[in-house]
Amino acid sequence: MKLWSVKNGFPVWSKQVLTDPDVKADPVLSSISPLSPLGRNYSIGFQGATAVDADVMWPLVEQVLSGADPAKSLKAASKNLDATLSKF
């Protein structure tokens, strides 16, 4: 877990790794990692989470990053989300 966080800057979520001297010395990790307990993954316990990610969220991100109009993409994603959620 330490190697993963140090190499890519991903917040540490292990209390043991959070106390590591290298992690404490890293300005980014030492500032964002203590916030990890505040976050919560929306998909925990939701059987449709994979479909929401694959069919709605990732296509939305890809469209916007490819230059599509964010407002139009979000409206389309909202309709797609409603359709996806109706399956569950």
N, C-alpha and C. Protein backbone atom coordinates (compact mmCIF):
# COMPACT_ATOMS: atom_id res chain seq x y z
N MET A 1 0.83 -1.19 0.00
CA MET A 1 0.00 0.00 0.00
C MET A 1 0.87 1.26 0.00
N LYS A 2 1.96 1.21 0.74
CA LYS A 2 2.86 2.36 0.80
C LYS A 2 3.44 2.63 -0.58
N LEU A 3 3.95 1.60 -1.23
CA LEU A 3 4.56 1.77 -2.55
C LEU A 3 3.56 2.36 -3.53
N TRP A 4 2.34 1.85 -3.51
CA TRP A 4 1.27 2.34 -4.39
C TRP A 4 1.06 3.85 -4.19
N SER A 5 0.91 4.25 -2.96
CA SER A 5 0.64 5.66 -2.66
C SER A 5 1.83 6.56 -2.98
N VAL A 6 3.02 6.11 -2.62
CA VAL A 6 4.21 6.94 -2.86
C VAL A 6 4.47 7.09 -4.36
N LYS A 7 4.28 6.02 -5.13
CA LYS A 7 4.57 6.06 -6.57
C LYS A 7 3.56 6.91 -7.35
N ASN A 8 2.28 6.87 -6.95
CA ASN A 8 1.28 7.56 -7.77
C ASN A 8 0.56 8.70 -7.06
N GLY A 9 0.88 8.95 -5.80
CA GLY A 9 0.26 10.06 -5.09
C GLY A 9 -1.15 9.80 -4.62
N PHE A 10 -1.57 8.53 -4.67
CA PHE A 10 -2.93 8.18 -4.22
C PHE A 10 -2.98 8.22 -2.70
N PRO A 11 -4.02 8.79 -2.12
CA PRO A 11 -4.10 8.90 -0.66
C PRO A 11 -3.98 7.54 0.04
N VAL A 12 -3.29 7.54 1.13
CA VAL A 12 -3.13 6.34 1.95
C VAL A 12 -4.42 6.12 2.72
N TRP A 13 -4.92 4.91 2.73
CA TRP A 13 -6.13 4.63 3.51
C TRP A 13 -5.86 3.67 4.65
N SER A 14 -4.62 3.23 4.79
CA SER A 14 -4.26 2.35 5.90
C SER A 14 -3.67 3.18 7.04
N LYS A 15 -4.21 3.01 8.23
CA LYS A 15 -3.71 3.77 9.38
C LYS A 15 -2.24 3.45 9.65
N GLN A 16 -1.84 2.21 9.43
CA GLN A 16 -0.46 1.81 9.66
C GLN A 16 0.47 2.51 8.66
N VAL A 17 0.09 2.54 7.40
CA VAL A 17 0.92 3.20 6.39
C VAL A 17 0.93 4.70 6.60
N LEU A 18 -0.15 5.25 7.07
CA LEU A 18 -0.23 6.69 7.32
C LEU A 18 0.82 7.16 8.33
N THR A 19 1.25 6.29 9.21
CA THR A 19 2.25 6.66 10.22
C THR A 19 3.68 6.41 9.74
N ASP A 20 3.85 5.88 8.54
CA ASP A 20 5.18 5.62 7.99
C ASP A 20 5.94 6.93 7.80
N PRO A 21 7.23 6.98 8.15
CA PRO A 21 8.02 8.21 8.01
C PRO A 21 8.07 8.76 6.58
N ASP A 22 8.17 7.88 5.58
CA ASP A 22 8.21 8.35 4.19
C ASP A 22 6.90 9.01 3.78
N VAL A 23 5.82 8.44 4.23
CA VAL A 23 4.50 9.01 3.92
C VAL A 23 4.33 10.34 4.64
N LYS A 24 4.73 10.39 5.90
CA LYS A 24 4.63 11.64 6.66
C LYS A 24 5.48 12.75 6.04
N ALA A 25 6.61 12.37 5.43
CA ALA A 25 7.51 13.36 4.83
C ALA A 25 7.04 13.84 3.47
N ASP A 26 6.14 13.12 2.84
CA ASP A 26 5.63 13.51 1.53
C ASP A 26 4.57 14.59 1.71
N PRO A 27 4.77 15.79 1.14
CA PRO A 27 3.83 16.89 1.38
C PRO A 27 2.42 16.63 0.86
N VAL A 28 2.30 15.92 -0.25
CA VAL A 28 0.98 15.64 -0.80
C VAL A 28 0.29 14.56 0.03
N LEU A 29 0.96 13.44 0.22
CA LEU A 29 0.34 12.34 0.96
C LEU A 29 0.01 12.71 2.39
N SER A 30 0.90 13.47 3.02
CA SER A 30 0.64 13.82 4.42
C SER A 30 -0.51 14.81 4.56
N SER A 31 -0.85 15.52 3.49
CA SER A 31 -1.95 16.48 3.59
C SER A 31 -3.30 15.88 3.18
N ILE A 32 -3.29 14.97 2.18
CA ILE A 32 -4.58 14.43 1.71
C ILE A 32 -4.97 13.11 2.35
N SER A 33 -4.01 12.33 2.77
CA SER A 33 -4.31 11.00 3.32
C SER A 33 -5.17 11.03 4.57
N PRO A 34 -4.97 11.97 5.49
CA PRO A 34 -5.83 11.98 6.67
C PRO A 34 -7.31 12.22 6.35
N LEU A 35 -7.61 12.67 5.14
CA LEU A 35 -9.00 12.91 4.75
C LEU A 35 -9.70 11.66 4.25
N SER A 36 -8.95 10.58 4.04
CA SER A 36 -9.53 9.35 3.50
C SER A 36 -10.77 8.86 4.25
N PRO A 37 -10.80 8.92 5.57
CA PRO A 37 -12.01 8.43 6.27
C PRO A 37 -13.27 9.25 5.96
N LEU A 38 -13.11 10.44 5.40
CA LEU A 38 -14.27 11.27 5.09
C LEU A 38 -15.00 10.82 3.83
N GLY A 39 -14.27 10.16 2.95
CA GLY A 39 -14.86 9.73 1.68
C GLY A 39 -15.63 8.43 1.83
N ARG A 40 -16.59 8.25 0.96
CA ARG A 40 -17.36 7.00 0.96
C ARG A 40 -17.70 6.69 -0.48
N ASN A 41 -17.44 5.48 -0.86
CA ASN A 41 -17.74 5.04 -2.21
C ASN A 41 -19.25 4.86 -2.36
N TYR A 42 -19.84 5.52 -3.35
CA TYR A 42 -21.29 5.44 -3.53
C TYR A 42 -21.75 4.03 -3.89
N SER A 43 -20.84 3.21 -4.38
CA SER A 43 -21.26 1.92 -4.91
C SER A 43 -21.36 0.81 -3.88
N ILE A 44 -20.95 1.06 -2.66
CA ILE A 44 -20.97 0.01 -1.64
C ILE A 44 -22.42 -0.44 -1.41
N GLY A 45 -22.65 -1.70 -1.63
CA GLY A 45 -23.96 -2.28 -1.39
C GLY A 45 -24.97 -2.07 -2.51
N PHE A 46 -24.57 -1.43 -3.60
CA PHE A 46 -25.49 -1.18 -4.71
C PHE A 46 -25.14 -2.09 -5.87
N GLN A 47 -26.01 -3.02 -6.20
CA GLN A 47 -25.70 -4.01 -7.23
C GLN A 47 -25.57 -3.40 -8.63
N GLY A 48 -26.10 -2.21 -8.85
CA GLY A 48 -26.02 -1.58 -10.16
C GLY A 48 -24.81 -0.68 -10.34
N ALA A 49 -23.92 -0.66 -9.38
CA ALA A 49 -22.77 0.26 -9.43
C ALA A 49 -21.89 0.04 -10.65
N THR A 50 -21.65 -1.20 -10.99
CA THR A 50 -20.80 -1.48 -12.15
C THR A 50 -21.44 -0.94 -13.42
N ALA A 51 -22.74 -1.11 -13.55
CA ALA A 51 -23.44 -0.60 -14.74
C ALA A 51 -23.40 0.92 -14.77
N VAL A 52 -23.57 1.57 -13.63
CA VAL A 52 -23.52 3.04 -13.59
C VAL A 52 -22.15 3.53 -14.02
N ASP A 53 -21.11 2.89 -13.50
CA ASP A 53 -19.75 3.29 -13.89
C ASP A 53 -19.50 3.05 -15.37
N ALA A 54 -19.79 1.83 -15.83
CA ALA A 54 -19.46 1.45 -17.20
C ALA A 54 -20.34 2.12 -18.25
N ASP A 55 -21.62 2.28 -17.94
CA ASP A 55 -22.57 2.76 -18.94
C ASP A 55 -22.88 4.25 -18.87
N VAL A 56 -22.55 4.87 -17.73
CA VAL A 56 -22.90 6.29 -17.56
C VAL A 56 -21.66 7.14 -17.28
N MET A 57 -20.98 6.83 -16.19
CA MET A 57 -19.90 7.72 -15.73
C MET A 57 -18.70 7.76 -16.68
N TRP A 58 -18.17 6.58 -17.04
CA TRP A 58 -17.00 6.59 -17.91
C TRP A 58 -17.30 7.18 -19.29
N PRO A 59 -18.42 6.84 -19.91
CA PRO A 59 -18.71 7.48 -21.19
C PRO A 59 -18.84 9.01 -21.07
N LEU A 60 -19.42 9.47 -19.97
CA LEU A 60 -19.54 10.91 -19.75
C LEU A 60 -18.16 11.56 -19.66
N VAL A 61 -17.29 10.99 -18.87
CA VAL A 61 -15.94 11.54 -18.72
C VAL A 61 -15.21 11.53 -20.06
N GLU A 62 -15.30 10.43 -20.79
CA GLU A 62 -14.63 10.32 -22.08
C GLU A 62 -15.14 11.37 -23.06
N GLN A 63 -16.45 11.58 -23.09
CA GLN A 63 -17.02 12.58 -24.00
C GLN A 63 -16.50 13.97 -23.68
N VAL A 64 -16.54 14.34 -22.43
CA VAL A 64 -16.12 15.69 -22.03
C VAL A 64 -14.63 15.87 -22.28
N LEU A 65 -13.84 14.87 -21.96
CA LEU A 65 -12.39 14.97 -22.21
C LEU A 65 -12.06 15.00 -23.69
N SER A 66 -12.97 14.49 -24.52
CA SER A 66 -12.76 14.50 -25.97
C SER A 66 -13.25 15.79 -26.61
N GLY A 67 -13.76 16.70 -25.81
CA GLY A 67 -14.16 18.00 -26.33
C GLY A 67 -15.65 18.22 -26.49
N ALA A 68 -16.46 17.27 -26.09
CA ALA A 68 -17.91 17.45 -26.19
C ALA A 68 -18.38 18.54 -25.23
N ASP A 69 -19.51 19.13 -25.54
CA ASP A 69 -20.08 20.16 -24.68
C ASP A 69 -20.49 19.53 -23.34
N PRO A 70 -19.93 20.00 -22.24
CA PRO A 70 -20.23 19.39 -20.94
C PRO A 70 -21.72 19.40 -20.58
N ALA A 71 -22.40 20.51 -20.85
CA ALA A 71 -23.82 20.59 -20.50
C ALA A 71 -24.65 19.57 -21.27
N LYS A 72 -24.40 19.45 -22.58
CA LYS A 72 -25.13 18.48 -23.39
C LYS A 72 -24.79 17.05 -22.97
N SER A 73 -23.52 16.82 -22.69
CA SER A 73 -23.09 15.48 -22.27
C SER A 73 -23.73 15.10 -20.94
N LEU A 74 -23.84 16.06 -20.04
CA LEU A 74 -24.43 15.80 -18.73
C LEU A 74 -25.93 15.51 -18.86
N LYS A 75 -26.60 16.24 -19.73
CA LYS A 75 -28.03 15.96 -19.94
C LYS A 75 -28.23 14.55 -20.50
N ALA A 76 -27.40 14.17 -21.46
CA ALA A 76 -27.50 12.82 -22.03
C ALA A 76 -27.17 11.77 -20.98
N ALA A 77 -26.17 12.04 -20.16
CA ALA A 77 -25.79 11.10 -19.11
C ALA A 77 -26.90 10.96 -18.08
N SER A 78 -27.59 12.05 -17.80
CA SER A 78 -28.69 12.00 -16.84
C SER A 78 -29.80 11.07 -17.34
N LYS A 79 -30.13 11.17 -18.62
CA LYS A 79 -31.14 10.28 -19.19
C LYS A 79 -30.66 8.84 -19.17
N ASN A 80 -29.37 8.66 -19.49
CA ASN A 80 -28.79 7.32 -19.47
C ASN A 80 -28.77 6.75 -18.06
N LEU A 81 -28.50 7.60 -17.08
CA LEU A 81 -28.51 7.16 -15.68
C LEU A 81 -29.91 6.71 -15.27
N ASP A 82 -30.92 7.49 -15.64
CA ASP A 82 -32.30 7.11 -15.31
C ASP A 82 -32.63 5.74 -15.91
N ALA A 83 -32.24 5.54 -17.16
CA ALA A 83 -32.51 4.25 -17.83
C ALA A 83 -31.75 3.12 -17.14
N THR A 84 -30.51 3.39 -16.78
CA THR A 84 -29.69 2.36 -16.13
C THR A 84 -30.26 2.01 -14.76
N LEU A 85 -30.63 3.01 -13.99
CA LEU A 85 -31.16 2.77 -12.65
C LEU A 85 -32.51 2.06 -12.67
N SER A 86 -33.28 2.26 -13.74
CA SER A 86 -34.59 1.62 -13.81
C SER A 86 -34.48 0.09 -13.92
N LYS A 87 -33.30 -0.40 -14.22
CA LYS A 87 -33.08 -1.84 -14.34
C LYS A 87 -32.88 -2.51 -12.98
N PHE A 88 -32.71 -1.69 -11.95
CA PHE A 88 -32.39 -2.27 -10.63
C PHE A 88 -33.46 -2.01 -9.62
